[in-house]
C-alpha atoms as a PDB file:
ATOM      1  CA  MET A   1     132.883  89.419  77.725  1.00  0.00           C
ATOM      2  CA  GLN A   2     130.238  91.001  79.436  1.00  0.00           C
ATOM      3  CA  PRO A   3     130.472  94.653  80.875  1.00  0.00           C
ATOM      4  CA  PRO A   4     130.718  95.177  84.821  1.00  0.00           C
ATOM      5  CA  GLU A   5     127.359  95.223  86.477  1.00  0.00           C
ATOM      6  CA  THR A   6     126.332  98.635  87.655  1.00  0.00           C
ATOM      7  CA  LEU A   7     126.078  98.834  91.429  1.00  0.00           C
ATOM      8  CA  ARG A   8     122.764 100.189  92.521  1.00  0.00           C
ATOM      9  CA  PHE A   9     121.546 101.105  95.802  1.00  0.00           C
ATOM     10  CA  ILE A  10     117.639 100.820  96.345  1.00  0.00           C
ATOM     11  CA  LYS A  11     116.321 102.584  98.937  1.00  0.00           C
ATOM     12  CA  VAL A  12     112.846 101.883 100.070  1.00  0.00           C
ATOM     13  CA  THR A  13     110.751 105.392 100.663  1.00  0.00           C
ATOM     14  CA  ALA A  14     108.361 106.206 103.315  1.00  0.00           C
ATOM     15  CA  THR A  15     105.820 106.158 100.436  1.00  0.00           C
ATOM     16  CA  GLY A  16     106.549 102.596  99.953  1.00  0.00           C
ATOM     17  CA  VAL A  17     106.358 101.567 103.573  1.00  0.00           C
ATOM     18  CA  LEU A  18     103.198 103.384 104.266  1.00  0.00           C
ATOM     19  CA  HIS A  19     101.543 102.022 101.232  1.00  0.00           C
ATOM     20  CA  TRP A  20     102.586  98.539 100.770  1.00  0.00           C
ATOM     21  CA  LEU A  21     103.058  97.533 104.605  1.00  0.00           C
ATOM     22  CA  ALA A  22      99.503  98.621 105.144  1.00  0.00           C
ATOM     23  CA  GLN A  23      98.034  95.994 102.589  1.00  0.00           C
ATOM     24  CA  PRO A  24      96.976  92.891 104.425  1.00  0.00           C
ATOM     25  CA  ASP A  25      97.037  90.726 101.514  1.00  0.00           C
ATOM     26  CA  ALA A  26     100.548  89.611  99.721  1.00  0.00           C
ATOM     27  CA  GLY A  27     101.372  90.833  96.506  1.00  0.00           C
ATOM     28  CA  GLN A  28     104.370  91.201  94.295  1.00  0.00           C
ATOM     29  CA  GLU A  29     104.951  94.844  95.384  1.00  0.00           C
ATOM     30  CA  ARG A  30     104.826  93.988  98.978  1.00  0.00           C
ATOM     31  CA  ALA A  31     107.183  91.026  98.476  1.00  0.00           C
ATOM     32  CA  ALA A  32     109.761  93.142  96.957  1.00  0.00           C
ATOM     33  CA  ILE A  33     109.500  96.022  99.620  1.00  0.00           C
ATOM     34  CA  GLU A  34     109.913  93.274 102.324  1.00  0.00           C
ATOM     35  CA  CYS A  35     112.914  91.912 100.608  1.00  0.00           C
ATOM     36  CA  LEU A  36     114.496  95.140 100.461  1.00  0.00           C
ATOM     37  CA  LEU A  37     113.892  96.150 104.008  1.00  0.00           C
ATOM     38  CA  SER A  38     115.373  92.891 105.169  1.00  0.00           C
ATOM     39  CA  MET A  39     118.644  93.398 103.158  1.00  0.00           C
ATOM     40  CA  ASP A  40     121.502  95.372 104.603  1.00  0.00           C
ATOM     41  CA  GLY A  41     121.072  98.818 102.880  1.00  0.00           C
ATOM     42  CA  ARG A  42     124.841  99.857 103.340  1.00  0.00           C
ATOM     43  CA  HIS A  43     125.562  97.456 100.240  1.00  0.00           C
ATOM     44  CA  PRO A  44     124.590  97.733  96.607  1.00  0.00           C
ATOM     45  CA  VAL A  45     121.305  95.221  95.762  1.00  0.00           C
ATOM     46  CA  ASN A  46     122.703  92.210  93.818  1.00  0.00           C
ATOM     47  CA  LEU A  47     119.386  91.663  91.536  1.00  0.00           C
ATOM     48  CA  ARG A  48     120.405  87.880  90.853  1.00  0.00           C
ATOM     49  CA  VAL A  49     120.290  87.269  94.637  1.00  0.00           C
ATOM     50  CA  MET A  50     117.092  89.335  95.069  1.00  0.00           C
ATOM     51  CA  SER A  51     115.517  87.253  92.223  1.00  0.00           C
ATOM     52  CA  ALA A  52     116.544  84.091  93.584  1.00  0.00           C
ATOM     53  CA  SER A  53     115.684  84.824  96.911  1.00  0.00           C
ATOM     54  CA  LEU A  54     112.122  85.631  95.520  1.00  0.00           C
ATOM     55  CA  CYS A  55     112.011  83.053  93.339  1.00  0.00           C
ATOM     56  CA  TRP A  56     111.256  85.218  90.411  1.00  0.00           C
ATOM     57  CA  PRO A  57     112.693  85.552  87.018  1.00  0.00           C
ATOM     58  CA  MET A  58     114.885  88.603  86.620  1.00  0.00           C
ATOM     59  CA  ALA A  59     112.507  89.986  84.173  1.00  0.00           C
ATOM     60  CA  GLN A  60     109.654  89.942  86.766  1.00  0.00           C
ATOM     61  CA  LEU A  61     111.701  91.538  89.270  1.00  0.00           C
ATOM     62  CA  ALA A  62     112.586  94.246  86.744  1.00  0.00           C
ATOM     63  CA  ARG A  63     109.035  95.045  86.220  1.00  0.00           C
ATOM     64  CA  VAL A  64     108.181  95.110  89.992  1.00  0.00           C
ATOM     65  CA  LEU A  65     111.127  97.372  90.669  1.00  0.00           C
ATOM     66  CA  PHE A  66     110.266  99.568  87.752  1.00  0.00           C
ATOM     67  CA  SER A  67     106.762 100.080  88.947  1.00  0.00           C
ATOM     68  CA  LEU A  68     107.793 100.746  92.558  1.00  0.00           C
ATOM     69  CA  ASN A  69     110.242 103.306  91.229  1.00  0.00           C
ATOM     70  CA  ARG A  70     107.478 104.702  89.371  1.00  0.00           C
ATOM     71  CA  SER A  71     105.074 105.125  92.262  1.00  0.00           C
ATOM     72  CA  GLN A  72     107.822 106.482  94.515  1.00  0.00           C
ATOM     73  CA  GLY A  73     107.731 103.346  96.629  1.00  0.00           C
ATOM     74  CA  ILE A  74     111.591 103.048  96.076  1.00  0.00           C
ATOM     75  CA  GLN A  75     114.542 105.148  94.849  1.00  0.00           C
ATOM     76  CA  VAL A  76     117.436 103.891  92.858  1.00  0.00           C
ATOM     77  CA  GLY A  77     120.780 105.420  93.262  1.00  0.00           C
ATOM     78  CA  MET A  78     124.553 104.911  92.603  1.00  0.00           C
ATOM     79  CA  GLU A  79     125.773 106.285  95.816  1.00  0.00           C
ATOM     80  CA  ALA A  80     125.760 104.318  99.185  1.00  0.00           C
ATOM     81  CA  PRO A  81     123.599 105.737 101.728  1.00  0.00           C
ATOM     82  CA  LEU A  82     124.616 107.882 104.655  1.00  0.00           C
ATOM     83  CA  ARG A  83     122.979 105.473 107.410  1.00  0.00           C
ATOM     84  CA  ASP A  84     121.199 102.518 107.574  1.00  0.00           C
ATOM     85  CA  GLU A  85     118.847 101.047 110.285  1.00  0.00           C
ATOM     86  CA  SER A  86     119.339  97.315 109.803  1.00  0.00           C
ATOM     87  CA  GLY A  87     121.791  96.420 112.490  1.00  0.00           C
ATOM     88  CA  GLY A  88     121.606  95.536 115.919  1.00  0.00           C
ATOM     89  CA  ASP A  89     118.519  94.438 118.134  1.00  0.00           C
ATOM     90  CA  ALA A  90     115.365  94.120 116.210  1.00  0.00           C
ATOM     91  CA  LEU A  91     113.600  96.943 118.087  1.00  0.00           C
ATOM     92  CA  ALA A  92     116.543  99.039 119.169  1.00  0.00           C
ATOM     93  CA  GLY A  93     115.920 102.527 118.146  1.00  0.00           C
ATOM     94  CA  LEU A  94     112.301 102.456 117.561  1.00  0.00           C
ATOM     95  CA  ASP A  95     111.786 105.049 120.351  1.00  0.00           C
ATOM     96  CA  ASP A  96     114.092 107.313 118.540  1.00  0.00           C
ATOM     97  CA  ASP A  97     112.252 106.752 115.054  1.00  0.00           C
ATOM     98  CA  LEU A  98     108.797 107.346 117.003  1.00  0.00           C
ATOM     99  CA  GLN A  99     110.171 110.452 118.576  1.00  0.00           C
ATOM    100  CA  THR A 100     111.107 111.742 115.149  1.00  0.00           C
ATOM    101  CA  LEU A 101     108.018 110.934 113.735  1.00  0.00           C
ATOM    102  CA  ALA A 102     105.956 112.437 116.530  1.00  0.00           C
ATOM    103  CA  GLY A 103     107.853 115.776 116.738  1.00  0.00           C
ATOM    104  CA  THR A 104     108.344 117.665 120.056  1.00  0.00           C
ATOM    105  CA  GLY A 105     105.444 117.652 122.377  1.00  0.00           C
ATOM    106  CA  GLN A 106     103.405 114.751 120.773  1.00  0.00           C
ATOM    107  CA  ARG A 107     102.730 111.454 121.795  1.00  0.00           C
ATOM    108  CA  ALA A 108     103.008 108.324 119.602  1.00  0.00           C
ATOM    109  CA  LEU A 109     102.399 104.732 120.607  1.00  0.00           C
ATOM    110  CA  LEU A 110     103.058 101.412 118.793  1.00  0.00           C
ATOM    111  CA  ALA A 111     101.057  98.362 119.905  1.00  0.00           C
ATOM    112  CA  SER A 112     100.466  94.705 118.654  1.00  0.00           C
ATOM    113  CA  ASN A 113      97.440  92.980 118.015  1.00  0.00           C
ATOM    114  CA  ASP A 114      97.489  91.534 121.280  1.00  0.00           C
ATOM    115  CA  GLY A 115      97.584  94.750 123.258  1.00  0.00           C
ATOM    116  CA  LEU A 116     101.338  94.497 123.771  1.00  0.00           C
ATOM    117  CA  CYS A 117     102.977  98.341 123.846  1.00  0.00           C
ATOM    118  CA  LEU A 118     106.071  97.863 121.645  1.00  0.00           C
ATOM    119  CA  ALA A 119     107.035 101.281 122.140  1.00  0.00           C
ATOM    120  CA  ALA A 120     105.383 104.694 123.334  1.00  0.00           C
ATOM    121  CA  ILE A 121     106.670 108.198 123.417  1.00  0.00           C
ATOM    122  CA  GLY A 122     105.132 110.886 125.640  1.00  0.00           C
ATOM    123  CA  TRP A 123     102.902 108.498 127.786  1.00  0.00           C
ATOM    124  CA  SER A 124     103.013 107.154 130.951  1.00  0.00           C
ATOM    125  CA  ASP A 125     103.727 103.320 131.416  1.00  0.00           C
ATOM    126  CA  GLU A 126     100.033 103.001 132.707  1.00  0.00           C
ATOM    127  CA  GLU A 127      98.468 105.319 129.880  1.00  0.00           C
ATOM    128  CA  ALA A 128     100.692 103.480 127.279  1.00  0.00           C
ATOM    129  CA  GLU A 129      99.391  99.854 128.301  1.00  0.00           C
ATOM    130  CA  GLN A 130      95.873 101.098 128.419  1.00  0.00           C
ATOM    131  CA  MET A 131      95.866 102.656 125.097  1.00  0.00           C
ATOM    132  CA  ALA A 132      97.551  99.577 123.564  1.00  0.00           C
ATOM    133  CA  GLY A 133      94.706  97.267 125.263  1.00  0.00           C
ATOM    134  CA  ARG A 134      92.236  99.719 123.585  1.00  0.00           C
ATOM    135  CA  LEU A 135      94.096  99.765 120.237  1.00  0.00           C
ATOM    136  CA  ALA A 136      93.914  96.005 120.199  1.00  0.00           C
ATOM    137  CA  SER A 137      90.383  95.782 120.508  1.00  0.00           C
ATOM    138  CA  GLU A 138      90.009  98.630 118.162  1.00  0.00           C
ATOM    139  CA  SER A 139      88.030 100.857 120.452  1.00  0.00           C
ATOM    140  CA  GLY A 140      90.862 103.242 120.782  1.00  0.00           C
ATOM    141  CA  GLN A 141      90.866 104.514 117.301  1.00  0.00           C
ATOM    142  CA  ASP A 142      88.146 107.097 118.370  1.00  0.00           C
ATOM    143  CA  ASN A 143      90.818 108.917 120.456  1.00  0.00           C
ATOM    144  CA  ALA A 144      93.542 109.599 118.172  1.00  0.00           C
ATOM    145  CA  ALA A 145      94.112 111.978 115.447  1.00  0.00           C
ATOM    146  CA  GLN A 146      95.770 109.386 113.575  1.00  0.00           C
ATOM    147  CA  VAL A 147      95.854 105.650 113.606  1.00  0.00           C
ATOM    148  CA  LEU A 148      97.945 103.524 111.104  1.00  0.00           C
ATOM    149  CA  THR A 149      97.692  99.652 110.820  1.00  0.00           C
ATOM    150  CA  TRP A 150     100.726  97.650 109.680  1.00  0.00           C
ATOM    151  CA  PHE A 151     100.632  93.760 108.916  1.00  0.00           C
ATOM    152  CA  PHE A 152     103.518  91.684 109.714  1.00  0.00           C
ATOM    153  CA  ALA A 153     103.738  87.950 109.894  1.00  0.00           C
ATOM    154  CA  ARG A 154     100.613  87.222 112.046  1.00  0.00           C
ATOM    155  CA  GLU A 155     100.929  90.513 113.611  1.00  0.00           C
ATOM    156  CA  ARG A 156      98.742  93.678 113.177  1.00  0.00           C
ATOM    157  CA  VAL A 157     100.719  96.609 114.396  1.00  0.00           C
ATOM    158  CA  VAL A 158      98.979  99.670 115.232  1.00  0.00           C
ATOM    159  CA  LEU A 159     100.586 103.153 115.169  1.00  0.00           C
ATOM    160  CA  CYS A 160      98.743 105.917 117.158  1.00  0.00           C
ATOM    161  CA  THR A 161      99.725 109.360 117.209  1.00  0.00           C
ATOM    162  CA  ASP A 162      98.054 112.672 118.669  1.00  0.00           C
ATOM    163  CA  ALA A 163      98.565 114.806 115.262  1.00  0.00           C
ATOM    164  CA  GLY A 164      99.446 114.061 111.547  1.00  0.00           C
ATOM    165  CA  VAL A 165     102.690 112.665 110.844  1.00  0.00           C
ATOM    166  CA  ASP A 166     104.757 113.637 107.829  1.00  0.00           C
ATOM    167  CA  GLN A 167     104.118 110.632 105.477  1.00  0.00           C
ATOM    168  CA  ARG A 168     107.354 111.303 103.730  1.00  0.00           C
ATOM    169  CA  ASP A 169     109.569 111.252 106.866  1.00  0.00           C
ATOM    170  CA  PRO A 170     112.526 108.602 106.155  1.00  0.00           C
ATOM    171  CA  ALA A 171     112.081 107.406 109.805  1.00  0.00           C
ATOM    172  CA  TRP A 172     109.006 105.413 108.599  1.00  0.00           C
ATOM    173  CA  VAL A 173     111.549 103.087 106.973  1.00  0.00           C
ATOM    174  CA  GLY A 174     113.463 102.524 110.265  1.00  0.00           C
ATOM    175  CA  VAL A 175     110.305 101.665 111.983  1.00  0.00           C
ATOM    176  CA  ALA A 176     109.179  99.276 109.173  1.00  0.00           C
ATOM    177  CA  ARG A 177     112.686  97.659 108.933  1.00  0.00           C
ATOM    178  CA  ARG A 178     112.500  97.172 112.936  1.00  0.00           C
ATOM    179  CA  LEU A 179     109.147  95.632 112.859  1.00  0.00           C
ATOM    180  CA  LEU A 180     109.733  93.604 109.894  1.00  0.00           C
ATOM    181  CA  ARG A 181     112.921  92.056 111.638  1.00  0.00           C
ATOM    182  CA  ALA A 182     111.069  91.472 114.830  1.00  0.00           C
ATOM    183  CA  CYS A 183     107.757  90.273 113.493  1.00  0.00           C
ATOM    184  CA  GLY A 184     108.729  88.394 110.307  1.00  0.00           C
ATOM    185  CA  PRO A 185     107.578  88.862 106.634  1.00  0.00           C
ATOM    186  CA  LEU A 186     104.174  88.605 105.743  1.00  0.00           C
ATOM    187  CA  GLY A 187     102.107  85.661 106.315  1.00  0.00           C
ATOM    188  CA  LEU A 188      98.945  86.278 107.593  1.00  0.00           C
ATOM    189  CA  GLU A 189      96.167  83.340 108.225  1.00  0.00           C
ATOM    190  CA  PRO A 190      93.037  84.184 106.164  1.00  0.00           C
ATOM    191  CA  GLY A 191      90.690  85.924 108.363  1.00  0.00           C
ATOM    192  CA  LEU A 192      93.319  87.362 110.851  1.00  0.00           C
ATOM    193  CA  ALA A 193      93.392  90.896 109.523  1.00  0.00           C
END
């Protein structure tokens, strides 16, 4: 008789989101981060299901999760999280997450690679559309204190803020989870990055 499996909750950290989703190339760590973000974080992670979903042997999954935990890309715990961003409309709550990241009086904007403004805080509609267009052509990067690029499916998503943003803020995870649900997992065609 086997002992009962310990219930573990695995939380993706802001560090994990910022590092792995900024990589345009597929890799084991990125695949694990995407898989975890696509799961309902209110439930413990079933490692067998995750292993099957990724088509990896359990030993490989264990190595990747150990590496991510060591690099602080994930946190493993026995307690259920207090809240989760995984339910509802794919982009619902994106404005709130941007407001949290930008802080009071700051501006933030998320734009897709085709110049579509996905969310904006502190910009007029016209300004947001113009800046999204400039970011799509990569000419808007000179005008911002911080520009981050993430890769989702065939989309390049750019975040532009007036000032530096706390790289440990948990709101990063909410933004990444919403964008992953809206755009899909990594699947860039060569040369699109």
